[in-house]
Amino acid sequence: MKQQGFTLIELMIVVAIIGILAAIAIPAYQDYTVRTKVSEGLNLSSAAKLGVAEYYQSVGSMPTDNATAGIATSTSITGNNVASVDIANGVITVTYTADTNIQDSTMVLTPTTNVGSISWTCDQGNVLDRYLPAECR
């Protein structure tokens, strides 16, 4: 009668392969979770982008602050990972909180005026490149 099953060496090889895959996957997953937290800032800044664009279209210059753009105060625009969204001369600054990887980091959205439209340039501020959403890299 022949015995069936795995040898100790075969099991150790499988455990080693799983360990190697986990060592690669865990840091990538951690970067992904921080990147989703940074994306929250882009979502919260959409109202600020709209306020800047509407003000520019109606007045012909950039708004000086949140009130001029017709949106809530900077500290009122918050989220789980965002401390504030501030407008200064049309430039939107998103300040992050909560996660130690992005604590007190900023991302800056700068408007560029074209004929009849505004395009936005995403400057990383002091958020690390690997944490930036795809549209900002």
C-alpha atoms as a PDB file:
ATOM      1  CA  MET A   1       0.000   0.000   0.000  1.00  0.00           C
ATOM      2  CA  LYS A   2       1.412   3.342  -1.112  1.00  0.00           C
ATOM      3  CA  GLN A   3       1.075   6.355   1.169  1.00  0.00           C
ATOM      4  CA  GLN A   4      -0.211   9.603  -0.256  1.00  0.00           C
ATOM      5  CA  GLY A   5       0.449  13.150   0.913  1.00  0.00           C
ATOM      6  CA  PHE A   6       3.056  15.858   0.889  1.00  0.00           C
ATOM      7  CA  THR A   7       6.563  15.653   2.222  1.00  0.00           C
ATOM      8  CA  LEU A   8       7.876  18.169   4.714  1.00  0.00           C
ATOM      9  CA  ILE A   9      10.135  19.706   2.044  1.00  0.00           C
ATOM     10  CA  GLU A  10       7.202  20.247  -0.319  1.00  0.00           C
ATOM     11  CA  LEU A  11       5.201  21.955   2.429  1.00  0.00           C
ATOM     12  CA  MET A  12       8.164  24.160   3.358  1.00  0.00           C
ATOM     13  CA  ILE A  13       8.563  25.227  -0.279  1.00  0.00           C
ATOM     14  CA  VAL A  14       4.878  26.192  -0.475  1.00  0.00           C
ATOM     15  CA  VAL A  15       5.142  28.209   2.756  1.00  0.00           C
ATOM     16  CA  ALA A  16       8.264  29.973   1.435  1.00  0.00           C
ATOM     17  CA  ILE A  17       6.497  30.900  -1.816  1.00  0.00           C
ATOM     18  CA  ILE A  18       3.508  32.272   0.095  1.00  0.00           C
ATOM     19  CA  GLY A  19       5.878  34.279   2.298  1.00  0.00           C
ATOM     20  CA  ILE A  20       7.617  35.798  -0.721  1.00  0.00           C
ATOM     21  CA  LEU A  21       4.297  36.739  -2.336  1.00  0.00           C
ATOM     22  CA  ALA A  22       3.077  38.310   0.902  1.00  0.00           C
ATOM     23  CA  ALA A  23       6.303  40.303   1.263  1.00  0.00           C
ATOM     24  CA  ILE A  24       5.676  41.817  -2.164  1.00  0.00           C
ATOM     25  CA  ALA A  25       1.908  42.302  -1.883  1.00  0.00           C
ATOM     26  CA  ILE A  26       1.634  43.936   1.549  1.00  0.00           C
ATOM     27  CA  PRO A  27       3.670  47.108   0.761  1.00  0.00           C
ATOM     28  CA  ALA A  28       1.829  47.535  -2.549  1.00  0.00           C
ATOM     29  CA  TYR A  29      -1.500  47.233  -0.763  1.00  0.00           C
ATOM     30  CA  GLN A  30      -0.440  49.773   1.865  1.00  0.00           C
ATOM     31  CA  ASP A  31       0.472  52.289  -0.864  1.00  0.00           C
ATOM     32  CA  TYR A  32      -2.902  51.635  -2.484  1.00  0.00           C
ATOM     33  CA  THR A  33      -4.795  52.377   0.735  1.00  0.00           C
ATOM     34  CA  VAL A  34      -2.917  55.664   1.241  1.00  0.00           C
ATOM     35  CA  ARG A  35      -3.567  56.578  -2.416  1.00  0.00           C
ATOM     36  CA  THR A  36      -7.309  56.150  -1.866  1.00  0.00           C
ATOM     37  CA  LYS A  37      -7.077  58.507   1.115  1.00  0.00           C
ATOM     38  CA  VAL A  38      -5.334  61.106  -1.058  1.00  0.00           C
ATOM     39  CA  SER A  39      -8.067  60.680  -3.693  1.00  0.00           C
ATOM     40  CA  GLU A  40     -10.597  61.864  -1.132  1.00  0.00           C
ATOM     41  CA  GLY A  41      -8.966  65.289  -1.371  1.00  0.00           C
ATOM     42  CA  LEU A  42      -9.554  65.405  -5.114  1.00  0.00           C
ATOM     43  CA  ASN A  43     -13.204  64.507  -4.597  1.00  0.00           C
ATOM     44  CA  LEU A  44     -13.673  67.197  -1.950  1.00  0.00           C
ATOM     45  CA  SER A  45     -11.925  69.788  -4.127  1.00  0.00           C
ATOM     46  CA  SER A  46     -14.436  69.368  -6.963  1.00  0.00           C
ATOM     47  CA  ALA A  47     -16.783  71.965  -5.429  1.00  0.00           C
ATOM     48  CA  ALA A  48     -13.851  74.361  -5.111  1.00  0.00           C
ATOM     49  CA  LYS A  49     -12.921  73.795  -8.767  1.00  0.00           C
ATOM     50  CA  LEU A  50     -16.483  74.562  -9.773  1.00  0.00           C
ATOM     51  CA  GLY A  51     -16.540  77.707  -7.619  1.00  0.00           C
ATOM     52  CA  VAL A  52     -13.280  78.948  -9.133  1.00  0.00           C
ATOM     53  CA  ALA A  53     -14.477  78.228 -12.678  1.00  0.00           C
ATOM     54  CA  GLU A  54     -17.844  79.956 -12.186  1.00  0.00           C
ATOM     55  CA  TYR A  55     -16.220  82.990 -10.604  1.00  0.00           C
ATOM     56  CA  TYR A  56     -13.663  83.230 -13.403  1.00  0.00           C
ATOM     57  CA  GLN A  57     -16.342  82.912 -16.103  1.00  0.00           C
ATOM     58  CA  SER A  58     -18.525  85.620 -14.576  1.00  0.00           C
ATOM     59  CA  VAL A  59     -15.887  88.107 -13.319  1.00  0.00           C
ATOM     60  CA  GLY A  60     -12.841  87.402 -15.488  1.00  0.00           C
ATOM     61  CA  SER A  61     -10.370  86.978 -12.640  1.00  0.00           C
ATOM     62  CA  MET A  62      -9.562  84.321 -10.068  1.00  0.00           C
ATOM     63  CA  PRO A  63     -11.310  84.357  -6.673  1.00  0.00           C
ATOM     64  CA  THR A  64      -9.116  85.393  -3.769  1.00  0.00           C
ATOM     65  CA  ASP A  65     -10.558  82.979  -1.201  1.00  0.00           C
ATOM     66  CA  ASN A  66     -13.303  80.434  -0.485  1.00  0.00           C
ATOM     67  CA  ALA A  67     -15.941  83.076   0.273  1.00  0.00           C
ATOM     68  CA  THR A  68     -15.252  84.918  -2.990  1.00  0.00           C
ATOM     69  CA  ALA A  69     -15.620  81.620  -4.876  1.00  0.00           C
ATOM     70  CA  GLY A  70     -18.947  81.062  -3.138  1.00  0.00           C
ATOM     71  CA  ILE A  71     -18.030  77.896  -1.235  1.00  0.00           C
ATOM     72  CA  ALA A  72     -17.779  77.000   2.455  1.00  0.00           C
ATOM     73  CA  THR A  73     -14.808  78.027   4.602  1.00  0.00           C
ATOM     74  CA  SER A  74     -11.667  75.947   4.203  1.00  0.00           C
ATOM     75  CA  THR A  75     -12.022  74.195   7.557  1.00  0.00           C
ATOM     76  CA  SER A  76     -15.662  73.336   6.813  1.00  0.00           C
ATOM     77  CA  ILE A  77     -14.669  71.229   3.816  1.00  0.00           C
ATOM     78  CA  THR A  78     -13.337  68.152   5.587  1.00  0.00           C
ATOM     79  CA  GLY A  79     -13.418  64.400   5.290  1.00  0.00           C
ATOM     80  CA  ASN A  80     -12.030  61.334   6.975  1.00  0.00           C
ATOM     81  CA  ASN A  81      -8.550  62.163   5.683  1.00  0.00           C
ATOM     82  CA  VAL A  82      -8.830  65.824   4.667  1.00  0.00           C
ATOM     83  CA  ALA A  83      -8.383  68.688   7.142  1.00  0.00           C
ATOM     84  CA  SER A  84      -9.222  71.557   4.765  1.00  0.00           C
ATOM     85  CA  VAL A  85      -9.700  72.714   1.172  1.00  0.00           C
ATOM     86  CA  ASP A  86      -8.507  76.289   0.728  1.00  0.00           C
ATOM     87  CA  ILE A  87      -8.638  78.678  -2.231  1.00  0.00           C
ATOM     88  CA  ALA A  88      -6.070  81.446  -2.594  1.00  0.00           C
ATOM     89  CA  ASN A  89      -6.074  83.454  -5.849  1.00  0.00           C
ATOM     90  CA  GLY A  90      -7.697  80.539  -7.675  1.00  0.00           C
ATOM     91  CA  VAL A  91      -5.171  77.978  -6.439  1.00  0.00           C
ATOM     92  CA  ILE A  92      -6.749  75.173  -4.409  1.00  0.00           C
ATOM     93  CA  THR A  93      -4.749  73.637  -1.558  1.00  0.00           C
ATOM     94  CA  VAL A  94      -5.918  70.374  -0.003  1.00  0.00           C
ATOM     95  CA  THR A  95      -4.446  69.628   3.445  1.00  0.00           C
ATOM     96  CA  TYR A  96      -4.515  66.049   4.708  1.00  0.00           C
ATOM     97  CA  THR A  97      -4.804  64.575   8.173  1.00  0.00           C
ATOM     98  CA  ALA A  98      -5.377  61.193   9.878  1.00  0.00           C
ATOM     99  CA  ASP A  99      -2.893  58.876   8.139  1.00  0.00           C
ATOM    100  CA  THR A 100       0.722  59.113   9.310  1.00  0.00           C
ATOM    101  CA  ASN A 101       1.954  58.812   5.696  1.00  0.00           C
ATOM    102  CA  ILE A 102       0.114  61.983   4.658  1.00  0.00           C
ATOM    103  CA  GLN A 103      -0.335  63.804   7.986  1.00  0.00           C
ATOM    104  CA  ASP A 104      -0.176  67.590   7.368  1.00  0.00           C
ATOM    105  CA  SER A 105       0.715  67.015   3.701  1.00  0.00           C
ATOM    106  CA  THR A 106      -0.722  69.236   0.988  1.00  0.00           C
ATOM    107  CA  MET A 107      -1.703  68.814  -2.637  1.00  0.00           C
ATOM    108  CA  VAL A 108      -2.079  71.911  -4.810  1.00  0.00           C
ATOM    109  CA  LEU A 109      -4.437  72.287  -7.788  1.00  0.00           C
ATOM    110  CA  THR A 110      -3.479  75.191 -10.037  1.00  0.00           C
ATOM    111  CA  PRO A 111      -5.855  76.573 -12.677  1.00  0.00           C
ATOM    112  CA  THR A 112      -4.699  77.450 -16.172  1.00  0.00           C
ATOM    113  CA  THR A 113      -7.043  79.602 -18.215  1.00  0.00           C
ATOM    114  CA  ASN A 114      -7.696  78.755 -21.820  1.00  0.00           C
ATOM    115  CA  VAL A 115     -10.110  80.419 -24.212  1.00  0.00           C
ATOM    116  CA  GLY A 116     -13.467  79.783 -22.564  1.00  0.00           C
ATOM    117  CA  SER A 117     -12.248  77.087 -20.168  1.00  0.00           C
ATOM    118  CA  ILE A 118     -10.027  76.274 -17.228  1.00  0.00           C
ATOM    119  CA  SER A 119      -7.710  73.290 -16.978  1.00  0.00           C
ATOM    120  CA  TRP A 120      -6.230  72.083 -13.715  1.00  0.00           C
ATOM    121  CA  THR A 121      -2.662  71.105 -12.941  1.00  0.00           C
ATOM    122  CA  CYS A 122      -2.142  68.847  -9.971  1.00  0.00           C
ATOM    123  CA  ASP A 123       1.007  69.632  -8.003  1.00  0.00           C
ATOM    124  CA  GLN A 124       1.946  67.077  -5.401  1.00  0.00           C
ATOM    125  CA  GLY A 125       2.786  69.682  -2.764  1.00  0.00           C
ATOM    126  CA  ASN A 126       4.550  67.511  -0.232  1.00  0.00           C
ATOM    127  CA  VAL A 127       2.602  64.281  -0.845  1.00  0.00           C
ATOM    128  CA  LEU A 128       4.968  61.540  -2.013  1.00  0.00           C
ATOM    129  CA  ASP A 129       4.705  60.558  -5.700  1.00  0.00           C
ATOM    130  CA  ARG A 130       3.739  56.986  -4.924  1.00  0.00           C
ATOM    131  CA  TYR A 131       0.653  58.185  -3.031  1.00  0.00           C
ATOM    132  CA  LEU A 132      -0.657  60.464  -5.795  1.00  0.00           C
ATOM    133  CA  PRO A 133      -3.756  59.421  -7.750  1.00  0.00           C
ATOM    134  CA  ALA A 134      -3.257  58.556 -11.422  1.00  0.00           C
ATOM    135  CA  GLU A 135      -4.465  61.957 -12.654  1.00  0.00           C
ATOM    136  CA  CYS A 136      -1.749  63.718 -10.642  1.00  0.00           C
ATOM    137  CA  ARG A 137       1.254  61.585 -11.581  1.00  0.00           C
END
